[in-house]
């Protein structure tokens, strides 16, 4: 049997990942020798440096002449993975940056660990984006998951944090087992863990193993559905979001979710999207099931969010609804008139990333002032911190999908995609549930501008939080003003045949 080796020259393609590994090792050693009063800020800033270096290496790898395939295509460096890696690194960098000055030793005993744990978590997300093999994918998935369990439990003296971490660990372990079980069916039928080889073999196996292929698909869909917190696999999200430190909640809502979508997109399109299954309805059923899960997530997330009074739980259900919106480009599939699924997906993912991180940054400002994350903490915000309130309005406009915002055009492009593929019911449901979301999003605006029966608490906005809030607000506006330029930029980098289909 031919041995497959990773040569020294191949390491240059892994520089983004190696930068995170090296930074994590160095910071873990520094944390052992630096006094606590120095480690808090120094390790936070050095974590940002490591993330920035990794992002530079990813940018340098953008738009290669051909996709780089390592270890028999177990690991791919293409623009599908590069764009998602940039989202991972930018999102992680913003979360680490806004944590500076927010994280205190009285709530999180080991501040140094808090910062450099983001590095292996981001590394796991990047591995998932580049995986072309089920084993590599699972390694990245578990690296992200295990690190996330630890980060949720960082507030060791907080009962809600401990409860959320325990639920996350148990439910995450079950979902990982379900994913592994689904993978085992595919490996047993094909005899390979390579996605390209599995995708090529499935059409020849569909006549003999069609029931097992359905079982494998639904197991994978259920497991991945948990990772992206899509209904009906969402029950863990509200408790975990509420118990985790607020920046960690933002990480779960943005970076962890993006990594889950990366593997959903890669796995289901490579396995079921580009093959001819003959008379079998397997292919159409696969994408119909994804569309149905998207519809359930949109309905459940938006309607349950209506009665939430805790902002973390409200944003958790908002995230469930947005998971449904992000599933729509995957479920609509390709047609002769519509093949921009990935561009629509990545545009809305970028808008979702900035508007959610901005919302969590404002919530952190409220949490510092009020000592809690209830929605009533936003009462009279305009009179206490007018600039922050204005920025929050811009972020909410994008979350709600109001015209001239990034969220609006992200949803619009996805809805137009459903029209082109004649899935009118899915587009209509997106519009209807978006209208429902106006109620709970604008209830926050009402709190900020119209509440007069509040007890004022001094609000001090730290520099990192202020910069993060306004950066996210302005980018949300820019995405709404020049969306065509962003979409053209994505399409100029990403090529379907080169960057997505495993050749």
Protein backbone atom coordinates (compact mmCIF):
# COMPACT_ATOMS: atom_id res chain seq x y z
CA UNK A 1 0.00 0.00 0.00
CA UNK A 2 1.40 3.39 -1.01
CA UNK A 3 2.40 5.55 1.94
CA UNK A 4 1.17 9.14 1.96
CA UNK A 5 3.49 11.60 3.68
CA UNK A 6 3.38 15.26 4.54
CA UNK A 7 6.58 16.81 3.15
CA UNK A 8 8.41 19.77 4.66
CA UNK A 9 7.43 21.93 1.69
CA UNK A 10 3.76 21.25 2.44
CA UNK A 11 4.05 22.97 5.81
CA UNK A 12 3.98 26.35 4.06
CA UNK A 13 0.31 25.69 3.24
CA UNK A 14 -0.37 25.09 6.94
CA UNK A 15 1.17 28.34 8.18
CA UNK A 16 -2.20 29.80 9.32
CA UNK A 17 -2.83 26.77 11.51
CA UNK A 18 0.78 26.52 12.69
CA UNK A 19 0.72 30.18 13.74
CA UNK A 20 -2.17 29.47 16.08
CA UNK A 21 -0.50 26.34 17.46
CA UNK A 22 2.79 28.15 18.11
CA UNK A 23 1.04 31.11 19.74
CA UNK A 24 -1.02 28.84 22.00
CA UNK A 25 2.09 26.96 23.17
CA UNK A 26 4.09 30.13 23.82
CA UNK A 27 1.23 31.80 25.71
CA UNK A 28 0.56 28.73 27.86
CA UNK A 29 4.23 28.79 28.93
CA UNK A 30 4.19 32.56 29.52
CA UNK A 31 1.12 32.17 31.67
CA UNK A 32 3.09 29.92 34.01
CA UNK A 33 5.85 32.45 34.65
CA UNK A 34 4.15 35.87 34.36
CA UNK A 35 2.54 37.42 37.45
CA UNK A 36 -1.25 37.61 37.26
CA UNK A 37 -1.31 41.39 37.13
CA UNK A 38 0.75 41.29 33.91
CA UNK A 39 -0.67 38.16 32.29
CA UNK A 40 -4.18 39.60 32.07
CA UNK A 41 -3.38 42.22 29.45
CA UNK A 42 -0.19 40.85 27.88
CA UNK A 43 -1.64 37.42 27.04
CA UNK A 44 -4.77 39.05 25.64
CA UNK A 45 -2.77 41.28 23.30
CA UNK A 46 -0.42 38.45 22.29
CA UNK A 47 -3.43 36.29 21.48
CA UNK A 48 -4.55 39.03 19.10
CA UNK A 49 -1.08 39.11 17.53
CA UNK A 50 -1.21 35.34 16.89
CA UNK A 51 -4.66 35.64 15.32
CA UNK A 52 -3.51 38.55 13.13
CA UNK A 53 -0.46 36.61 11.90
CA UNK A 54 -2.65 33.63 11.04
CA UNK A 55 -5.07 35.91 9.15
CA UNK A 56 -2.20 37.39 7.12
CA UNK A 57 -1.13 33.90 6.05
CA UNK A 58 -4.72 33.10 5.01
CA UNK A 59 -4.92 36.29 2.93
CA UNK A 60 -1.66 35.38 1.20
CA UNK A 61 -3.18 32.03 0.23
CA UNK A 62 -6.34 33.56 -1.29
CA UNK A 63 -7.15 32.84 -4.93
CA UNK A 64 -4.49 30.21 -5.71
CA UNK A 65 -4.14 28.91 -9.26
CA UNK A 66 -5.44 25.55 -8.08
CA UNK A 67 -6.66 24.04 -4.84
CA UNK A 68 -3.94 22.57 -2.63
CA UNK A 69 -4.61 18.98 -1.57
CA UNK A 70 -2.59 17.44 1.27
CA UNK A 71 -2.47 13.83 2.49
CA UNK A 72 -4.59 12.37 -0.29
CA UNK A 73 -7.06 15.27 -0.11
CA UNK A 74 -7.58 14.86 3.63
CA UNK A 75 -6.82 18.56 3.95
CA UNK A 76 -7.66 21.17 1.32
CA UNK A 77 -6.45 24.74 0.99
CA UNK A 78 -8.97 26.37 -1.34
CA UNK A 79 -10.99 29.57 -1.30
CA UNK A 80 -14.01 27.85 0.22
CA UNK A 81 -11.89 27.16 3.29
CA UNK A 82 -9.91 30.42 3.08
CA UNK A 83 -13.02 32.63 3.19
CA UNK A 84 -14.43 30.68 6.14
CA UNK A 85 -11.05 30.80 7.90
CA UNK A 86 -11.03 34.59 7.54
CA UNK A 87 -14.51 34.72 9.09
CA UNK A 88 -13.26 32.51 11.93
CA UNK A 89 -10.16 34.63 12.60
CA UNK A 90 -11.89 38.01 12.27
CA UNK A 91 -14.71 36.89 14.55
CA UNK A 92 -12.32 35.41 17.13
CA UNK A 93 -10.08 38.48 16.98
CA UNK A 94 -12.98 40.86 17.63
CA UNK A 95 -14.20 38.74 20.55
CA UNK A 96 -10.74 38.63 22.13
CA UNK A 97 -10.31 42.38 21.57
CA UNK A 98 -13.61 43.31 23.20
CA UNK A 99 -12.73 41.05 26.16
CA UNK A 100 -9.75 43.24 27.05
CA UNK A 101 -10.65 45.05 30.26
CA UNK A 102 -13.95 43.15 30.57
CA UNK A 103 -12.64 39.85 31.92
CA UNK A 104 -11.86 40.10 35.64
CA UNK A 105 -10.22 37.63 38.00
CA UNK A 106 -13.13 37.80 40.43
CA UNK A 107 -15.37 36.10 37.84
CA UNK A 108 -12.82 34.10 35.81
CA UNK A 109 -9.97 32.85 38.02
CA UNK A 110 -7.51 32.07 35.21
CA UNK A 111 -7.58 35.02 32.84
CA UNK A 112 -4.57 33.84 30.85
CA UNK A 113 -6.26 30.54 30.02
CA UNK A 114 -9.38 32.40 29.00
CA UNK A 115 -7.50 34.24 26.26
CA UNK A 116 -5.33 31.53 24.76
CA UNK A 117 -8.13 28.94 24.78
CA UNK A 118 -9.58 30.87 21.86
CA UNK A 119 -6.60 29.75 19.76
CA UNK A 120 -7.20 25.96 19.75
CA UNK A 121 -10.93 26.62 19.37
CA UNK A 122 -10.29 28.74 16.26
CA UNK A 123 -7.82 26.11 15.05
CA UNK A 124 -10.53 23.44 15.28
CA UNK A 125 -12.89 25.63 13.25
CA UNK A 126 -10.22 26.16 10.59
CA UNK A 127 -9.50 22.42 10.36
CA UNK A 128 -13.21 21.80 9.85
CA UNK A 129 -13.28 24.34 7.00
CA UNK A 130 -10.42 22.61 5.18
CA UNK A 131 -11.33 18.98 5.84
CA UNK A 132 -11.71 16.69 2.84
CA UNK A 133 -11.83 13.54 4.94
CA UNK A 134 -14.22 12.36 7.64
CA UNK A 135 -11.41 11.65 10.12
CA UNK A 136 -9.81 15.09 9.68
CA UNK A 137 -13.23 16.67 9.98
CA UNK A 138 -13.94 14.84 13.22
CA UNK A 139 -10.59 15.84 14.71
CA UNK A 140 -11.31 19.52 14.02
CA UNK A 141 -14.85 19.14 15.34
CA UNK A 142 -13.71 17.65 18.63
CA UNK A 143 -10.90 20.18 19.06
CA UNK A 144 -13.43 23.00 18.75
CA UNK A 145 -16.02 21.22 20.90
CA UNK A 146 -13.77 20.23 23.81
CA UNK A 147 -12.22 23.70 24.00
CA UNK A 148 -15.69 25.25 23.92
CA UNK A 149 -16.83 23.06 26.84
CA UNK A 150 -13.93 24.38 28.92
CA UNK A 151 -14.55 28.00 27.92
CA UNK A 152 -18.22 27.84 28.89
CA UNK A 153 -17.16 26.62 32.36
CA UNK A 154 -14.64 29.44 32.90
CA UNK A 155 -16.83 31.12 35.56
CA UNK A 156 -16.14 28.37 38.06
CA UNK A 157 -18.07 29.94 40.96
CA UNK A 158 -21.19 30.62 38.90
CA UNK A 159 -23.88 27.93 39.15
CA UNK A 160 -25.42 28.85 35.80
CA UNK A 161 -22.04 28.58 34.12
CA UNK A 162 -21.46 25.14 35.64
CA UNK A 163 -24.95 24.01 34.67
CA UNK A 164 -24.55 25.30 31.12
CA UNK A 165 -21.14 23.67 30.72
CA UNK A 166 -22.46 20.32 31.99
CA UNK A 167 -25.44 20.41 29.60
CA UNK A 168 -23.17 21.43 26.74
CA UNK A 169 -20.73 18.62 27.51
CA UNK A 170 -23.43 15.94 27.70
CA UNK A 171 -25.40 17.12 24.66
CA UNK A 172 -22.21 17.81 22.70
CA UNK A 173 -20.90 14.33 23.45
CA UNK A 174 -24.18 12.77 22.31
CA UNK A 175 -24.20 14.79 19.08
CA UNK A 176 -20.57 13.86 18.36
CA UNK A 177 -21.45 10.21 18.85
CA UNK A 178 -24.40 10.56 16.46
CA UNK A 179 -22.12 12.15 13.84
CA UNK A 180 -19.56 9.38 14.29
CA UNK A 181 -22.28 6.76 13.95
CA UNK A 182 -23.44 8.31 10.67
CA UNK A 183 -19.85 8.42 9.42
CA UNK A 184 -19.40 4.74 10.29
CA UNK A 185 -22.24 3.79 7.91
CA UNK A 186 -20.57 5.68 5.07
CA UNK A 187 -17.18 4.14 5.82
CA UNK A 188 -18.69 0.67 6.08
CA UNK A 189 -20.37 0.96 2.68
CA UNK A 190 -17.48 2.57 0.80
CA UNK A 191 -14.38 1.45 2.73
CA UNK A 192 -12.92 4.96 2.70
CA UNK A 193 -13.18 8.09 4.82
CA UNK A 194 -12.24 10.38 1.91
CA UNK A 195 -15.15 12.62 0.90
CA UNK A 196 -14.31 12.51 -2.80
CA UNK A 197 -14.16 8.72 -2.85
CA UNK A 198 -17.40 8.42 -0.87
CA UNK A 199 -19.16 10.91 -3.15
CA UNK A 200 -18.01 9.01 -6.25
CA UNK A 201 -19.07 5.64 -4.83
CA UNK A 202 -22.53 6.50 -3.48
CA UNK A 203 -24.37 6.48 -6.89
CA UNK A 204 -23.19 2.91 -7.47
CA UNK A 205 -24.37 1.87 -3.99
CA UNK A 206 -27.77 3.55 -3.97
CA UNK A 207 -29.62 0.57 -5.45
CA UNK A 208 -28.29 -1.84 -2.81
CA UNK A 209 -27.92 0.40 0.25
CA UNK A 210 -30.48 3.17 -0.20
CA UNK A 211 -32.08 2.73 3.28
CA UNK A 212 -28.63 2.86 4.93
CA UNK A 213 -27.76 6.00 2.97
CA UNK A 214 -30.88 7.68 4.35
CA UNK A 215 -29.93 6.55 7.87
CA UNK A 216 -26.39 7.93 7.45
CA UNK A 217 -27.68 11.25 6.12
CA UNK A 218 -30.22 11.80 8.90
CA UNK A 219 -27.67 10.90 11.58
CA UNK A 220 -25.23 13.44 10.14
CA UNK A 221 -27.95 16.06 9.78
CA UNK A 222 -29.03 15.59 13.41
CA UNK A 223 -25.44 15.81 14.70
CA UNK A 224 -24.54 18.83 12.63
CA UNK A 225 -27.90 20.40 13.49
CA UNK A 226 -26.85 20.36 17.14
CA UNK A 227 -23.52 22.03 16.33
CA UNK A 228 -25.22 24.93 14.55
CA UNK A 229 -28.06 25.13 17.13
CA UNK A 230 -30.80 24.64 14.53
CA UNK A 231 -34.25 23.53 15.69
CA UNK A 232 -35.26 20.89 16.62
CA UNK A 233 -31.71 20.29 17.91
CA UNK A 234 -31.42 23.60 19.73
CA UNK A 235 -32.46 22.88 23.32
CA UNK A 236 -28.95 23.30 24.71
CA UNK A 237 -28.36 26.79 23.31
CA UNK A 238 -30.39 29.09 25.65
CA UNK A 239 -29.00 27.61 28.87
CA UNK A 240 -25.42 27.46 27.57
CA UNK A 241 -25.57 31.00 26.17
CA UNK A 242 -26.95 32.33 29.45
CA UNK A 243 -24.39 30.54 31.65
CA UNK A 244 -21.23 31.17 29.63
CA UNK A 245 -19.15 34.35 29.95
CA UNK A 246 -20.65 36.83 27.49
CA UNK A 247 -17.64 36.90 25.08
CA UNK A 248 -17.67 33.08 25.02
CA UNK A 249 -21.39 33.22 24.20
CA UNK A 250 -20.53 35.48 21.26
CA UNK A 251 -17.90 32.95 20.13
CA UNK A 252 -20.43 30.10 20.23
CA UNK A 253 -23.02 32.20 18.40
CA UNK A 254 -20.68 33.25 15.59
CA UNK A 255 -17.46 31.24 15.16
CA UNK A 256 -18.65 27.83 16.33
CA UNK A 257 -21.82 28.18 14.26
CA UNK A 258 -19.83 29.20 11.15
CA UNK A 259 -17.61 26.12 11.51
CA UNK A 260 -20.68 23.90 11.70
CA UNK A 261 -22.02 25.41 8.50
CA UNK A 262 -18.66 24.88 6.80
CA UNK A 263 -18.83 21.13 7.29
CA UNK A 264 -22.54 21.03 6.43
CA UNK A 265 -21.85 22.74 3.13
CA UNK A 266 -18.77 20.68 2.28
CA UNK A 267 -20.06 17.26 3.32
CA UNK A 268 -23.60 17.34 1.95
CA UNK A 269 -22.73 18.95 -1.37
CA UNK A 270 -19.73 16.71 -2.04
CA UNK A 271 -21.58 13.53 -1.02
CA UNK A 272 -25.03 14.24 -2.43
CA UNK A 273 -24.83 17.36 -4.55
CA UNK A 274 -22.81 16.55 -7.66
CA UNK A 275 -23.64 12.92 -8.44
CA UNK A 276 -26.33 11.29 -10.55
CA UNK A 277 -28.40 8.97 -8.37
CA UNK A 278 -30.54 7.78 -11.26
CA UNK A 279 -34.16 7.09 -10.37
CA UNK A 280 -33.53 7.37 -6.64
CA UNK A 281 -35.02 10.38 -4.86
CA UNK A 282 -32.12 10.45 -2.38
CA UNK A 283 -30.64 13.69 -3.68
CA UNK A 284 -33.92 15.63 -3.69
CA UNK A 285 -34.87 14.22 -0.28
CA UNK A 286 -31.52 15.28 1.21
CA UNK A 287 -31.97 18.92 0.25
CA UNK A 288 -35.68 18.90 1.07
CA UNK A 289 -34.83 17.70 4.60
CA UNK A 290 -32.31 20.54 4.97
CA UNK A 291 -34.94 23.04 3.79
CA UNK A 292 -37.48 21.65 6.28
CA UNK A 293 -34.97 21.98 9.12
CA UNK A 294 -34.33 25.57 8.00
CA UNK A 295 -38.06 26.27 8.13
CA UNK A 296 -38.43 24.75 11.61
CA UNK A 297 -35.46 26.77 12.89
CA UNK A 298 -36.87 30.04 11.52
CA UNK A 299 -40.29 29.45 13.09
CA UNK A 300 -39.12 28.10 16.46
CA UNK A 301 -36.33 30.65 16.92
CA UNK A 302 -38.40 33.73 16.13
CA UNK A 303 -41.57 32.78 17.96
CA UNK A 304 -39.90 31.64 21.19
CA UNK A 305 -37.72 34.76 21.16
CA UNK A 306 -40.89 36.85 21.51
CA UNK A 307 -41.28 35.99 25.20
CA UNK A 308 -37.63 36.24 26.31
CA UNK A 309 -36.61 38.82 28.91
CA UNK A 310 -32.97 37.82 29.23
CA UNK A 311 -30.83 39.21 26.40
CA UNK A 312 -28.56 36.18 26.19
CA UNK A 313 -31.53 33.87 25.79
CA UNK A 314 -33.12 36.26 23.30
CA UNK A 315 -29.94 36.29 21.22
CA UNK A 316 -29.78 32.49 21.52
CA UNK A 317 -33.21 32.14 19.91
CA UNK A 318 -32.30 34.84 17.40
CA UNK A 319 -29.26 32.69 16.55
CA UNK A 320 -31.52 29.65 16.08
CA UNK A 321 -33.64 31.65 13.63
CA UNK A 322 -30.52 32.84 11.80
CA UNK A 323 -29.29 29.26 11.60
CA UNK A 324 -32.47 28.64 9.62
CA UNK A 325 -31.73 31.56 7.30
CA UNK A 326 -28.18 30.28 6.74
CA UNK A 327 -29.48 26.77 6.01
CA UNK A 328 -31.66 28.04 3.16
CA UNK A 329 -28.80 28.49 0.62
CA UNK A 330 -27.71 24.92 1.38
CA UNK A 331 -31.22 23.52 1.02
CA UNK A 332 -32.10 25.38 -2.19
CA UNK A 333 -29.31 23.54 -4.07
CA UNK A 334 -28.17 24.50 -7.59
CA UNK A 335 -30.15 24.97 -10.78
CA UNK A 336 -29.45 26.19 -14.31
CA UNK A 337 -30.59 29.66 -13.23
CA UNK A 338 -29.11 29.70 -9.73
CA UNK A 339 -25.63 28.69 -8.67
CA UNK A 340 -24.64 31.47 -6.24
CA UNK A 341 -25.51 29.49 -3.10
CA UNK A 342 -22.12 29.86 -1.50
CA UNK A 343 -21.88 33.60 -2.29
CA UNK A 344 -25.30 34.19 -0.72
CA UNK A 345 -24.34 32.08 2.28
CA UNK A 346 -20.99 33.77 2.94
CA UNK A 347 -22.42 37.28 2.47
CA UNK A 348 -25.10 36.68 5.08
CA UNK A 349 -22.58 34.92 7.35
CA UNK A 350 -20.36 38.03 7.25
CA UNK A 351 -23.34 40.29 8.04
CA UNK A 352 -24.45 37.90 10.80
CA UNK A 353 -20.97 37.85 12.31
CA UNK A 354 -20.65 41.63 12.66
CA UNK A 355 -24.21 42.34 13.79
CA UNK A 356 -24.08 39.61 16.45
CA UNK A 357 -20.65 40.50 17.80
CA UNK A 358 -21.78 44.13 17.95
CA UNK A 359 -24.93 43.16 19.87
CA UNK A 360 -22.94 41.11 22.36
CA UNK A 361 -20.46 43.97 22.78
CA UNK A 362 -23.31 46.32 23.74
CA UNK A 363 -24.64 43.64 26.09
CA UNK A 364 -21.20 43.50 27.74
CA UNK A 365 -21.36 47.27 28.32
CA UNK A 366 -24.78 46.85 29.97
CA UNK A 367 -23.55 43.88 31.99
CA UNK A 368 -20.63 45.92 33.35
CA UNK A 369 -22.98 48.71 34.44
CA UNK A 370 -25.96 46.72 35.70
CA UNK A 371 -24.41 43.44 36.80
CA UNK A 372 -26.92 41.36 34.82
CA UNK A 373 -27.94 40.59 31.23
CA UNK A 374 -31.69 41.19 31.47
CA UNK A 375 -33.36 43.23 28.74
CA UNK A 376 -34.43 45.82 31.30
CA UNK A 377 -30.77 46.83 31.58
CA UNK A 378 -31.18 48.61 28.22
CA UNK A 379 -33.78 50.97 29.74
CA UNK A 380 -32.90 54.59 29.01
CA UNK A 381 -29.60 53.68 27.36
CA UNK A 382 -29.92 56.63 24.99
CA UNK A 383 -29.88 59.04 27.94
CA UNK A 384 -26.95 57.31 29.64
CA UNK A 385 -24.73 56.45 26.66
CA UNK A 386 -26.20 58.04 23.51
CA UNK A 387 -23.44 56.98 21.11
CA UNK A 388 -23.69 53.36 22.21
CA UNK A 389 -27.48 53.49 21.84
CA UNK A 390 -27.20 54.87 18.27
CA UNK A 391 -24.73 52.12 17.35
CA UNK A 392 -27.08 49.51 18.84
CA UNK A 393 -29.92 50.87 16.69
CA UNK A 394 -27.79 50.37 13.55
CA UNK A 395 -26.99 46.81 14.67
CA UNK A 396 -30.66 46.05 15.40
CA UNK A 397 -31.69 47.39 11.97
CA UNK A 398 -29.32 44.84 10.43
CA UNK A 399 -30.51 42.02 12.71
CA UNK A 400 -34.12 42.76 11.80
CA UNK A 401 -33.31 43.03 8.10
CA UNK A 402 -34.38 46.64 7.53
CA UNK A 403 -33.42 48.10 4.09
CA UNK A 404 -29.95 49.62 3.66
CA UNK A 405 -28.41 47.24 6.17
CA UNK A 406 -26.19 44.20 5.72
CA UNK A 407 -28.82 41.92 7.22
CA UNK A 408 -31.43 43.14 4.74
CA UNK A 409 -29.36 42.42 1.65
CA UNK A 410 -28.13 39.13 3.08
CA UNK A 411 -31.72 37.95 3.49
CA UNK A 412 -32.75 39.48 0.15
CA UNK A 413 -30.08 37.56 -1.79
CA UNK A 414 -31.13 34.32 -0.10
CA UNK A 415 -34.83 34.97 -0.78
CA UNK A 416 -34.08 35.72 -4.45
CA UNK A 417 -32.25 32.39 -4.56
CA UNK A 418 -35.37 30.59 -3.33
CA UNK A 419 -37.38 32.32 -6.04
CA UNK A 420 -34.94 31.27 -8.76
CA UNK A 421 -35.08 27.65 -7.61
CA UNK A 422 -38.90 27.88 -7.33
CA UNK A 423 -38.94 27.14 -3.60
CA UNK A 424 -41.45 29.91 -3.03
CA UNK A 425 -42.70 28.50 0.27
CA UNK A 426 -39.24 28.82 1.80
CA UNK A 427 -38.82 32.42 0.63
CA UNK A 428 -42.29 33.34 1.90
CA UNK A 429 -41.49 31.78 5.28
CA UNK A 430 -38.26 33.79 5.48
CA UNK A 431 -40.20 37.00 4.89
CA UNK A 432 -42.94 36.10 7.40
CA UNK A 433 -40.56 35.10 10.20
CA UNK A 434 -38.40 38.16 9.59
CA UNK A 435 -41.49 40.31 10.14
CA UNK A 436 -42.15 38.44 13.41
CA UNK A 437 -38.60 39.23 14.55
CA UNK A 438 -39.33 42.97 14.33
CA UNK A 439 -41.31 42.74 17.57
CA UNK A 440 -38.52 41.52 19.83
CA UNK A 441 -35.74 43.44 18.11
CA UNK A 442 -37.58 46.75 18.30
CA UNK A 443 -38.62 46.09 21.89
CA UNK A 444 -34.93 46.69 22.66
CA UNK A 445 -35.09 50.05 20.83
CA UNK A 446 -38.18 50.93 22.84
CA UNK A 447 -36.29 50.15 26.05
CA UNK A 448 -33.38 52.38 25.03
CA UNK A 449 -35.41 55.42 23.94
CA UNK A 450 -38.83 55.29 25.59
CA UNK A 451 -38.33 53.92 29.07
CA UNK A 452 -38.40 56.64 31.71
CA UNK A 453 -39.06 54.56 34.82
CA UNK A 454 -35.54 53.19 35.10
CA UNK A 455 -32.99 53.51 37.85
CA UNK A 456 -29.95 55.07 36.17
CA UNK A 457 -26.65 53.27 36.61
CA UNK A 458 -23.39 54.80 35.49
CA UNK A 459 -22.23 53.45 32.15
CA UNK A 460 -18.55 53.46 31.35
CA UNK A 461 -17.63 52.25 27.88
CA UNK A 462 -14.12 50.85 27.67
CA UNK A 463 -12.07 51.66 24.58
CA UNK A 464 -12.02 48.07 23.19
CA UNK A 465 -15.77 47.70 23.65
CA UNK A 466 -16.52 51.11 22.15
CA UNK A 467 -14.35 50.40 19.10
CA UNK A 468 -15.91 46.96 18.61
CA UNK A 469 -19.47 48.28 18.86
CA UNK A 470 -18.94 51.05 16.33
CA UNK A 471 -16.82 48.94 13.99
CA UNK A 472 -19.58 46.31 13.83
CA UNK A 473 -22.29 48.97 13.43
CA UNK A 474 -20.46 50.75 10.60
CA UNK A 475 -19.63 47.51 8.77
CA UNK A 476 -23.31 46.53 9.01
CA UNK A 477 -24.16 49.84 7.33
CA UNK A 478 -21.43 49.49 4.67
CA UNK A 479 -22.68 46.00 3.79
CA UNK A 480 -26.08 47.58 3.20
CA UNK A 481 -24.78 50.50 1.14
CA UNK A 482 -22.43 48.63 -1.22
CA UNK A 483 -23.59 44.98 -1.04
CA UNK A 484 -22.90 44.41 -4.73
CA UNK A 485 -19.21 45.19 -4.27
CA UNK A 486 -18.91 42.70 -1.42
CA UNK A 487 -20.77 40.03 -3.39
CA UNK A 488 -18.63 40.61 -6.47
CA UNK A 489 -15.53 40.37 -4.30
CA UNK A 490 -16.66 36.99 -2.97
CA UNK A 491 -17.50 35.73 -6.46
CA UNK A 492 -14.14 36.93 -7.83
CA UNK A 493 -12.33 34.82 -5.22
CA UNK A 494 -14.54 31.73 -5.07
CA UNK A 495 -14.88 29.38 -8.04
CA UNK A 496 -17.26 26.45 -7.75
CA UNK A 497 -15.26 23.88 -9.70
CA UNK A 498 -11.87 24.81 -8.26
CA UNK A 499 -12.67 25.67 -4.67
CA UNK A 500 -15.55 23.45 -3.71
CA UNK A 501 -15.90 20.22 -5.65
CA UNK A 502 -13.22 17.83 -4.44
CA UNK A 503 -11.50 16.73 -7.62
